[in-house]
Amino acid sequence: MRAGDIDRASIIARASALVDKKLLIVGATMDVVSPLPEHFVPIVKALSDAGATALTDVVLDSDHRAALAQLVTAWMRAKVAA
């Protein structure tokens, strides 16, 4: 990825362009690769501050592997298929 691509790929930088999209942002309390304060919280804050109208944010009390598939399937059935 080139330096110029970083803002284009950044959810935070593009938050205003995503406000009308159906979004599911998932974090996990035991995720050691993407800690909540460094990854999840800034993204959810940026989207909320931009006025996201269809944002679902969920924090799983796990490393999110086991519950993630069930969560995403249920969310897609409720939000995307509707």
N, C-alpha and C. Protein backbone atom coordinates (compact mmCIF):
# COMPACT_ATOMS: atom_id res chain seq x y z
N MET A 1 0.85 -1.18 0.00
CA MET A 1 0.00 0.00 0.00
C MET A 1 0.90 1.24 0.00
N ARG A 2 0.59 2.13 -0.88
CA ARG A 2 1.34 3.39 -0.96
C ARG A 2 0.80 4.37 0.08
N ALA A 3 1.59 5.35 0.42
CA ALA A 3 1.20 6.34 1.43
C ALA A 3 -0.12 7.03 1.06
N GLY A 4 -0.34 7.30 -0.19
CA GLY A 4 -1.56 7.97 -0.63
C GLY A 4 -2.81 7.10 -0.50
N ASP A 5 -2.61 5.81 -0.38
CA ASP A 5 -3.74 4.89 -0.25
C ASP A 5 -4.26 4.77 1.17
N ILE A 6 -3.48 5.19 2.14
CA ILE A 6 -3.86 4.99 3.54
C ILE A 6 -5.15 5.72 3.88
N ASP A 7 -5.27 7.00 3.55
CA ASP A 7 -6.50 7.73 3.84
C ASP A 7 -7.68 7.17 3.05
N ARG A 8 -7.43 6.76 1.83
CA ARG A 8 -8.49 6.20 1.00
C ARG A 8 -9.04 4.90 1.61
N ALA A 9 -8.18 4.14 2.28
CA ALA A 9 -8.59 2.87 2.87
C ALA A 9 -9.01 3.00 4.33
N SER A 10 -8.83 4.16 4.92
CA SER A 10 -9.12 4.35 6.34
C SER A 10 -10.61 4.55 6.60
N ILE A 11 -11.18 3.71 7.45
CA ILE A 11 -12.58 3.88 7.83
C ILE A 11 -12.77 5.21 8.54
N ILE A 12 -11.82 5.57 9.38
CA ILE A 12 -11.92 6.82 10.14
C ILE A 12 -11.91 8.01 9.19
N ALA A 13 -10.99 8.02 8.23
CA ALA A 13 -10.90 9.13 7.29
C ALA A 13 -12.13 9.20 6.37
N ARG A 14 -12.77 8.07 6.13
CA ARG A 14 -13.92 8.02 5.21
C ARG A 14 -15.25 7.92 5.93
N ALA A 15 -15.27 8.17 7.22
CA ALA A 15 -16.48 7.99 8.03
C ALA A 15 -17.68 8.74 7.44
N SER A 16 -17.48 9.95 6.99
CA SER A 16 -18.60 10.73 6.46
C SER A 16 -19.19 10.10 5.19
N ALA A 17 -18.39 9.36 4.45
CA ALA A 17 -18.89 8.69 3.25
C ALA A 17 -19.63 7.39 3.58
N LEU A 18 -19.56 6.97 4.83
CA LEU A 18 -20.16 5.70 5.22
C LEU A 18 -21.42 5.85 6.07
N VAL A 19 -21.85 7.08 6.33
CA VAL A 19 -22.93 7.31 7.29
C VAL A 19 -24.26 6.66 6.91
N ASP A 20 -24.52 6.43 5.64
CA ASP A 20 -25.78 5.83 5.22
C ASP A 20 -25.68 4.33 4.94
N LYS A 21 -24.52 3.76 5.21
CA LYS A 21 -24.31 2.33 4.96
C LYS A 21 -24.72 1.51 6.18
N LYS A 22 -25.14 0.28 5.95
CA LYS A 22 -25.40 -0.65 7.04
C LYS A 22 -24.04 -1.20 7.49
N LEU A 23 -23.67 -0.89 8.72
CA LEU A 23 -22.33 -1.23 9.20
C LEU A 23 -22.40 -2.08 10.46
N LEU A 24 -21.57 -3.09 10.53
CA LEU A 24 -21.40 -3.90 11.72
C LEU A 24 -19.93 -3.84 12.09
N ILE A 25 -19.64 -3.28 13.26
CA ILE A 25 -18.27 -3.18 13.75
C ILE A 25 -18.20 -4.07 14.99
N VAL A 26 -17.28 -5.04 14.98
CA VAL A 26 -17.17 -5.99 16.08
C VAL A 26 -15.79 -5.90 16.71
N GLY A 27 -15.79 -5.81 18.03
CA GLY A 27 -14.55 -5.86 18.80
C GLY A 27 -14.66 -6.98 19.81
N ALA A 28 -13.54 -7.29 20.46
CA ALA A 28 -13.54 -8.37 21.44
C ALA A 28 -12.63 -8.01 22.61
N THR A 29 -13.11 -8.32 23.80
CA THR A 29 -12.36 -7.96 25.01
C THR A 29 -11.03 -8.68 25.11
N MET A 30 -10.93 -9.88 24.55
CA MET A 30 -9.69 -10.66 24.66
C MET A 30 -8.89 -10.69 23.36
N ASP A 31 -9.15 -9.77 22.46
CA ASP A 31 -8.41 -9.70 21.20
C ASP A 31 -7.07 -9.03 21.47
N VAL A 32 -6.00 -9.79 21.38
CA VAL A 32 -4.68 -9.25 21.64
C VAL A 32 -4.04 -8.64 20.39
N VAL A 33 -4.60 -8.91 19.23
CA VAL A 33 -4.06 -8.37 17.99
C VAL A 33 -4.61 -6.97 17.70
N SER A 34 -5.89 -6.77 17.96
CA SER A 34 -6.54 -5.49 17.71
C SER A 34 -7.26 -5.02 18.97
N PRO A 35 -6.53 -4.47 19.93
CA PRO A 35 -7.14 -4.05 21.19
C PRO A 35 -8.25 -3.00 20.97
N LEU A 36 -9.30 -3.10 21.77
CA LEU A 36 -10.44 -2.20 21.63
C LEU A 36 -10.05 -0.72 21.62
N PRO A 37 -9.26 -0.23 22.57
CA PRO A 37 -8.95 1.21 22.59
C PRO A 37 -8.20 1.71 21.36
N GLU A 38 -7.44 0.83 20.72
CA GLU A 38 -6.63 1.25 19.58
C GLU A 38 -7.34 1.08 18.24
N HIS A 39 -8.31 0.19 18.16
CA HIS A 39 -8.92 -0.11 16.87
C HIS A 39 -10.43 0.10 16.87
N PHE A 40 -11.14 -0.60 17.71
CA PHE A 40 -12.60 -0.55 17.75
C PHE A 40 -13.12 0.82 18.16
N VAL A 41 -12.66 1.33 19.28
CA VAL A 41 -13.20 2.59 19.83
C VAL A 41 -13.03 3.76 18.86
N PRO A 42 -11.86 3.98 18.27
CA PRO A 42 -11.73 5.12 17.34
C PRO A 42 -12.62 5.01 16.10
N ILE A 43 -12.82 3.80 15.61
CA ILE A 43 -13.67 3.62 14.44
C ILE A 43 -15.12 3.91 14.78
N VAL A 44 -15.61 3.33 15.88
CA VAL A 44 -16.99 3.56 16.29
C VAL A 44 -17.22 5.04 16.59
N LYS A 45 -16.27 5.69 17.25
CA LYS A 45 -16.40 7.11 17.55
C LYS A 45 -16.47 7.94 16.27
N ALA A 46 -15.59 7.67 15.33
CA ALA A 46 -15.58 8.43 14.07
C ALA A 46 -16.89 8.26 13.31
N LEU A 47 -17.40 7.04 13.25
CA LEU A 47 -18.66 6.80 12.55
C LEU A 47 -19.83 7.45 13.28
N SER A 48 -19.85 7.35 14.59
CA SER A 48 -20.92 7.98 15.38
C SER A 48 -20.87 9.50 15.24
N ASP A 49 -19.68 10.07 15.36
CA ASP A 49 -19.51 11.52 15.23
C ASP A 49 -19.93 12.02 13.85
N ALA A 50 -19.73 11.18 12.83
CA ALA A 50 -20.10 11.55 11.46
C ALA A 50 -21.60 11.43 11.23
N GLY A 51 -22.30 10.77 12.17
CA GLY A 51 -23.74 10.64 12.05
C GLY A 51 -24.22 9.35 11.41
N ALA A 52 -23.45 8.29 11.56
CA ALA A 52 -23.85 7.00 10.99
C ALA A 52 -25.24 6.62 11.47
N THR A 53 -26.12 6.31 10.52
CA THR A 53 -27.52 6.04 10.84
C THR A 53 -27.84 4.56 10.99
N ALA A 54 -26.99 3.69 10.49
CA ALA A 54 -27.27 2.26 10.56
C ALA A 54 -26.05 1.50 11.09
N LEU A 55 -25.47 2.04 12.14
CA LEU A 55 -24.27 1.45 12.75
C LEU A 55 -24.67 0.51 13.87
N THR A 56 -24.17 -0.71 13.80
CA THR A 56 -24.30 -1.67 14.89
C THR A 56 -22.89 -1.95 15.38
N ASP A 57 -22.62 -1.63 16.64
CA ASP A 57 -21.30 -1.92 17.20
C ASP A 57 -21.48 -2.87 18.37
N VAL A 58 -20.65 -3.92 18.37
CA VAL A 58 -20.77 -4.99 19.35
C VAL A 58 -19.39 -5.31 19.90
N VAL A 59 -19.32 -5.46 21.22
CA VAL A 59 -18.10 -5.94 21.86
C VAL A 59 -18.40 -7.31 22.44
N LEU A 60 -17.67 -8.31 21.95
CA LEU A 60 -17.83 -9.67 22.43
C LEU A 60 -16.89 -9.91 23.60
N ASP A 61 -17.37 -10.62 24.61
CA ASP A 61 -16.55 -10.93 25.77
C ASP A 61 -15.78 -12.22 25.49
N SER A 62 -14.89 -12.14 24.51
CA SER A 62 -14.11 -13.30 24.08
C SER A 62 -13.00 -12.80 23.18
N ASP A 63 -12.37 -13.74 22.47
CA ASP A 63 -11.41 -13.34 21.44
C ASP A 63 -12.11 -13.19 20.10
N HIS A 64 -13.37 -13.33 20.08
CA HIS A 64 -14.36 -13.16 19.03
C HIS A 64 -14.40 -14.23 17.96
N ARG A 65 -13.58 -15.22 18.01
CA ARG A 65 -13.62 -16.25 16.97
C ARG A 65 -14.87 -17.10 17.04
N ALA A 66 -15.21 -17.55 18.23
CA ALA A 66 -16.33 -18.48 18.37
C ALA A 66 -17.67 -17.80 18.09
N ALA A 67 -17.88 -16.63 18.65
CA ALA A 67 -19.18 -15.96 18.54
C ALA A 67 -19.33 -15.13 17.28
N LEU A 68 -18.24 -14.84 16.60
CA LEU A 68 -18.29 -13.93 15.46
C LEU A 68 -19.18 -14.45 14.33
N ALA A 69 -19.05 -15.70 13.97
CA ALA A 69 -19.86 -16.24 12.87
C ALA A 69 -21.34 -16.15 13.18
N GLN A 70 -21.73 -16.48 14.39
CA GLN A 70 -23.14 -16.39 14.77
C GLN A 70 -23.63 -14.95 14.74
N LEU A 71 -22.83 -14.03 15.25
CA LEU A 71 -23.20 -12.62 15.28
C LEU A 71 -23.37 -12.07 13.87
N VAL A 72 -22.42 -12.33 13.01
CA VAL A 72 -22.47 -11.80 11.64
C VAL A 72 -23.66 -12.39 10.89
N THR A 73 -23.90 -13.67 11.05
CA THR A 73 -25.04 -14.31 10.38
C THR A 73 -26.36 -13.68 10.83
N ALA A 74 -26.53 -13.51 12.13
CA ALA A 74 -27.76 -12.91 12.65
C ALA A 74 -27.91 -11.47 12.19
N TRP A 75 -26.82 -10.70 12.19
CA TRP A 75 -26.87 -9.30 11.75
C TRP A 75 -27.24 -9.21 10.27
N MET A 76 -26.63 -10.07 9.46
CA MET A 76 -26.94 -10.03 8.03
C MET A 76 -28.39 -10.39 7.76
N ARG A 77 -28.90 -11.35 8.48
CA ARG A 77 -30.31 -11.71 8.30
C ARG A 77 -31.23 -10.55 8.69
N ALA A 78 -30.87 -9.84 9.76
CA ALA A 78 -31.72 -8.76 10.25
C ALA A 78 -31.56 -7.47 9.47
N LYS A 79 -30.34 -7.13 9.08
CA LYS A 79 -30.08 -5.82 8.48
C LYS A 79 -29.93 -5.84 6.97
N VAL A 80 -29.23 -6.80 6.46
CA VAL A 80 -28.91 -6.82 5.04
C VAL A 80 -30.04 -7.44 4.24
N ALA A 81 -30.57 -8.53 4.71
CA ALA A 81 -31.63 -9.21 3.98
C ALA A 81 -32.97 -8.48 4.08
N ALA A 82 -33.09 -7.59 5.07
CA ALA A 82 -34.36 -6.88 5.27
C ALA A 82 -34.62 -5.86 4.20
